[in-house]
Structures are given as structure tokens and as C-alpha cells.
C-alpha atoms as a PDB file:
ATOM      1  CA  UNK A   1     -12.332  -5.913-128.378  1.00  0.00           C
ATOM      2  CA  UNK A   2     -11.728  -9.199-130.175  1.00  0.00           C
ATOM      3  CA  UNK A   3     -10.186 -10.551-133.356  1.00  0.00           C
ATOM      4  CA  UNK A   4     -12.743 -12.365-135.508  1.00  0.00           C
ATOM      5  CA  UNK A   5     -12.250 -15.624-137.425  1.00  0.00           C
ATOM      6  CA  UNK A   6     -14.691 -16.633-140.159  1.00  0.00           C
ATOM      7  CA  UNK A   7     -13.404 -19.902-141.604  1.00  0.00           C
ATOM      8  CA  UNK A   8     -10.039 -19.040-143.153  1.00  0.00           C
ATOM      9  CA  UNK A   9     -10.895 -15.310-143.196  1.00  0.00           C
ATOM     10  CA  UNK A  10     -10.041 -12.880-140.430  1.00  0.00           C
ATOM     11  CA  UNK A  11     -11.641  -9.653-139.237  1.00  0.00           C
ATOM     12  CA  UNK A  12      -9.064  -7.366-137.621  1.00  0.00           C
ATOM     13  CA  UNK A  13     -11.292  -6.215-134.752  1.00  0.00           C
ATOM     14  CA  UNK A  14     -14.725  -7.113-133.405  1.00  0.00           C
ATOM     15  CA  UNK A  15     -15.986  -4.634-130.832  1.00  0.00           C
ATOM     16  CA  UNK A  16     -18.881  -5.604-128.595  1.00  0.00           C
ATOM     17  CA  UNK A  17     -20.886  -3.274-126.387  1.00  0.00           C
ATOM     18  CA  UNK A  18     -23.652  -5.162-124.634  1.00  0.00           C
ATOM     19  CA  UNK A  19     -25.375  -7.055-127.493  1.00  0.00           C
ATOM     20  CA  UNK A  20     -24.170  -4.766-130.306  1.00  0.00           C
ATOM     21  CA  UNK A  21     -21.224  -5.805-132.499  1.00  0.00           C
ATOM     22  CA  UNK A  22     -19.063  -3.675-134.797  1.00  0.00           C
ATOM     23  CA  UNK A  23     -16.692  -5.353-137.252  1.00  0.00           C
ATOM     24  CA  UNK A  24     -13.596  -3.398-138.285  1.00  0.00           C
ATOM     25  CA  UNK A  25     -10.812  -3.898-140.804  1.00  0.00           C
ATOM     26  CA  UNK A  26      -7.751  -1.625-140.807  1.00  0.00           C
ATOM     27  CA  UNK A  27      -5.432  -1.060-143.768  1.00  0.00           C
ATOM     28  CA  UNK A  28      -3.043   1.689-144.832  1.00  0.00           C
ATOM     29  CA  UNK A  29      -4.093   1.738-148.494  1.00  0.00           C
ATOM     30  CA  UNK A  30      -6.968   0.169-150.446  1.00  0.00           C
ATOM     31  CA  UNK A  31      -6.259   1.538-153.924  1.00  0.00           C
ATOM     32  CA  UNK A  32      -4.938  -1.809-155.226  1.00  0.00           C
ATOM     33  CA  UNK A  33      -7.822  -4.088-156.240  1.00  0.00           C
ATOM     34  CA  UNK A  34      -6.274  -7.112-154.479  1.00  0.00           C
ATOM     35  CA  UNK A  35      -6.027  -5.179-151.196  1.00  0.00           C
ATOM     36  CA  UNK A  36      -9.568  -3.863-151.575  1.00  0.00           C
ATOM     37  CA  UNK A  37     -10.918  -7.394-152.077  1.00  0.00           C
ATOM     38  CA  UNK A  38      -8.806  -8.831-149.222  1.00  0.00           C
ATOM     39  CA  UNK A  39     -10.151  -6.267-146.744  1.00  0.00           C
ATOM     40  CA  UNK A  40     -13.781  -6.388-147.920  1.00  0.00           C
ATOM     41  CA  UNK A  41     -14.234 -10.166-148.331  1.00  0.00           C
ATOM     42  CA  UNK A  42     -14.395 -11.079-144.616  1.00  0.00           C
ATOM     43  CA  UNK A  43     -16.963  -8.336-143.965  1.00  0.00           C
ATOM     44  CA  UNK A  44     -19.030  -9.315-147.028  1.00  0.00           C
ATOM     45  CA  UNK A  45     -19.230 -12.884-145.705  1.00  0.00           C
ATOM     46  CA  UNK A  46     -20.685 -11.910-142.334  1.00  0.00           C
ATOM     47  CA  UNK A  47     -24.434 -12.475-142.601  1.00  0.00           C
ATOM     48  CA  UNK A  48     -25.860 -10.111-140.019  1.00  0.00           C
ATOM     49  CA  UNK A  49     -26.863  -6.462-139.891  1.00  0.00           C
ATOM     50  CA  UNK A  50     -24.257  -5.166-137.460  1.00  0.00           C
ATOM     51  CA  UNK A  51     -21.999  -2.295-138.513  1.00  0.00           C
ATOM     52  CA  UNK A  52     -19.032  -3.166-140.734  1.00  0.00           C
ATOM     53  CA  UNK A  53     -16.215  -0.629-141.180  1.00  0.00           C
ATOM     54  CA  UNK A  54     -12.865  -0.434-142.964  1.00  0.00           C
ATOM     55  CA  UNK A  55     -10.483   2.238-141.639  1.00  0.00           C
ATOM     56  CA  UNK A  56      -7.772   3.405-144.034  1.00  0.00           C
ATOM     57  CA  UNK A  57      -5.228   6.163-144.531  1.00  0.00           C
ATOM     58  CA  UNK A  58      -6.225   6.074-148.206  1.00  0.00           C
ATOM     59  CA  UNK A  59      -8.273   9.152-149.097  1.00  0.00           C
ATOM     60  CA  UNK A  60      -9.508   7.723-152.417  1.00  0.00           C
ATOM     61  CA  UNK A  61     -11.458   4.648-151.254  1.00  0.00           C
ATOM     62  CA  UNK A  62     -13.865   6.283-148.783  1.00  0.00           C
ATOM     63  CA  UNK A  63     -17.515   5.470-149.307  1.00  0.00           C
ATOM     64  CA  UNK A  64     -20.229   2.933-148.667  1.00  0.00           C
ATOM     65  CA  UNK A  65     -19.926  -0.405-150.461  1.00  0.00           C
ATOM     66  CA  UNK A  66     -23.108  -2.439-150.023  1.00  0.00           C
ATOM     67  CA  UNK A  67     -23.415  -1.380-146.393  1.00  0.00           C
ATOM     68  CA  UNK A  68     -19.712  -1.573-145.556  1.00  0.00           C
ATOM     69  CA  UNK A  69     -18.398   1.867-144.634  1.00  0.00           C
ATOM     70  CA  UNK A  70     -14.869   2.723-145.747  1.00  0.00           C
ATOM     71  CA  UNK A  71     -13.588   5.663-143.722  1.00  0.00           C
ATOM     72  CA  UNK A  72     -10.356   7.600-143.886  1.00  0.00           C
ATOM     73  CA  UNK A  73      -8.642   8.005-140.518  1.00  0.00           C
ATOM     74  CA  UNK A  74      -5.586   9.679-139.063  1.00  0.00           C
ATOM     75  CA  UNK A  75      -3.189   7.947-136.716  1.00  0.00           C
ATOM     76  CA  UNK A  76      -3.232   9.513-133.274  1.00  0.00           C
ATOM     77  CA  UNK A  77      -1.916   8.590-129.873  1.00  0.00           C
ATOM     78  CA  UNK A  78      -3.767   6.204-127.609  1.00  0.00           C
ATOM     79  CA  UNK A  79      -3.526   6.396-123.827  1.00  0.00           C
ATOM     80  CA  UNK A  80      -5.461   3.232-123.025  1.00  0.00           C
ATOM     81  CA  UNK A  81      -4.330  -0.345-123.539  1.00  0.00           C
ATOM     82  CA  UNK A  82      -6.795  -2.746-125.127  1.00  0.00           C
ATOM     83  CA  UNK A  83      -6.658  -6.503-124.647  1.00  0.00           C
ATOM     84  CA  UNK A  84      -7.486  -8.786-127.555  1.00  0.00           C
ATOM     85  CA  UNK A  85      -8.807 -12.307-127.902  1.00  0.00           C
ATOM     86  CA  UNK A  86     -10.017 -14.463-130.800  1.00  0.00           C
ATOM     87  CA  UNK A  87     -13.773 -14.593-131.371  1.00  0.00           C
ATOM     88  CA  UNK A  88     -15.356 -17.172-133.688  1.00  0.00           C
ATOM     89  CA  UNK A  89     -18.006 -15.404-135.806  1.00  0.00           C
END
């Protein structure tokens, strides 16, 4: 699991399993237009066909926006620790 940097933009998490990448943004609420744009812009600027996801507690923004999936999620407990590093994308 990595943090992605794309110029001045940042992707919260970049997961890699073998040669497959998944880009993920996480935000509590996307109902404000400025928040929606802030979370989507880094993913919109990635020019490949790997999966791009935004996870949110917001039940109103779920959907598919030009190939970027916005999914509602619930906070649960995690038993495993994950280490992070910065990945230039």
C-alpha cells in the first residue's frame, strides 16, 4: 500500500498486487462540490485503465463518474497494520 503523488496532487492510497494497481481516495463526505472536485481530480488525471475508487461515508454521492467508482463504506475495526510509502505515479 502506497501514497501516490501526481505533481501537486495526491492519491490517498495506491494498492499494488503483482502488476495490478488500484487507486483509492477516502473522504467522509462528498456532497460539497469543492470536496467532490478535490477528491476526483487526482484520479481523473491518472492516464491508465487501472481501477480508481473513492470511499465515502456519504450515501448520496455513490455511483460511477467516468470510470471512477464512488462507494459508500462503513468504518470497521482493522486487525492488521499496513505500512505506507510514497509512490510517484
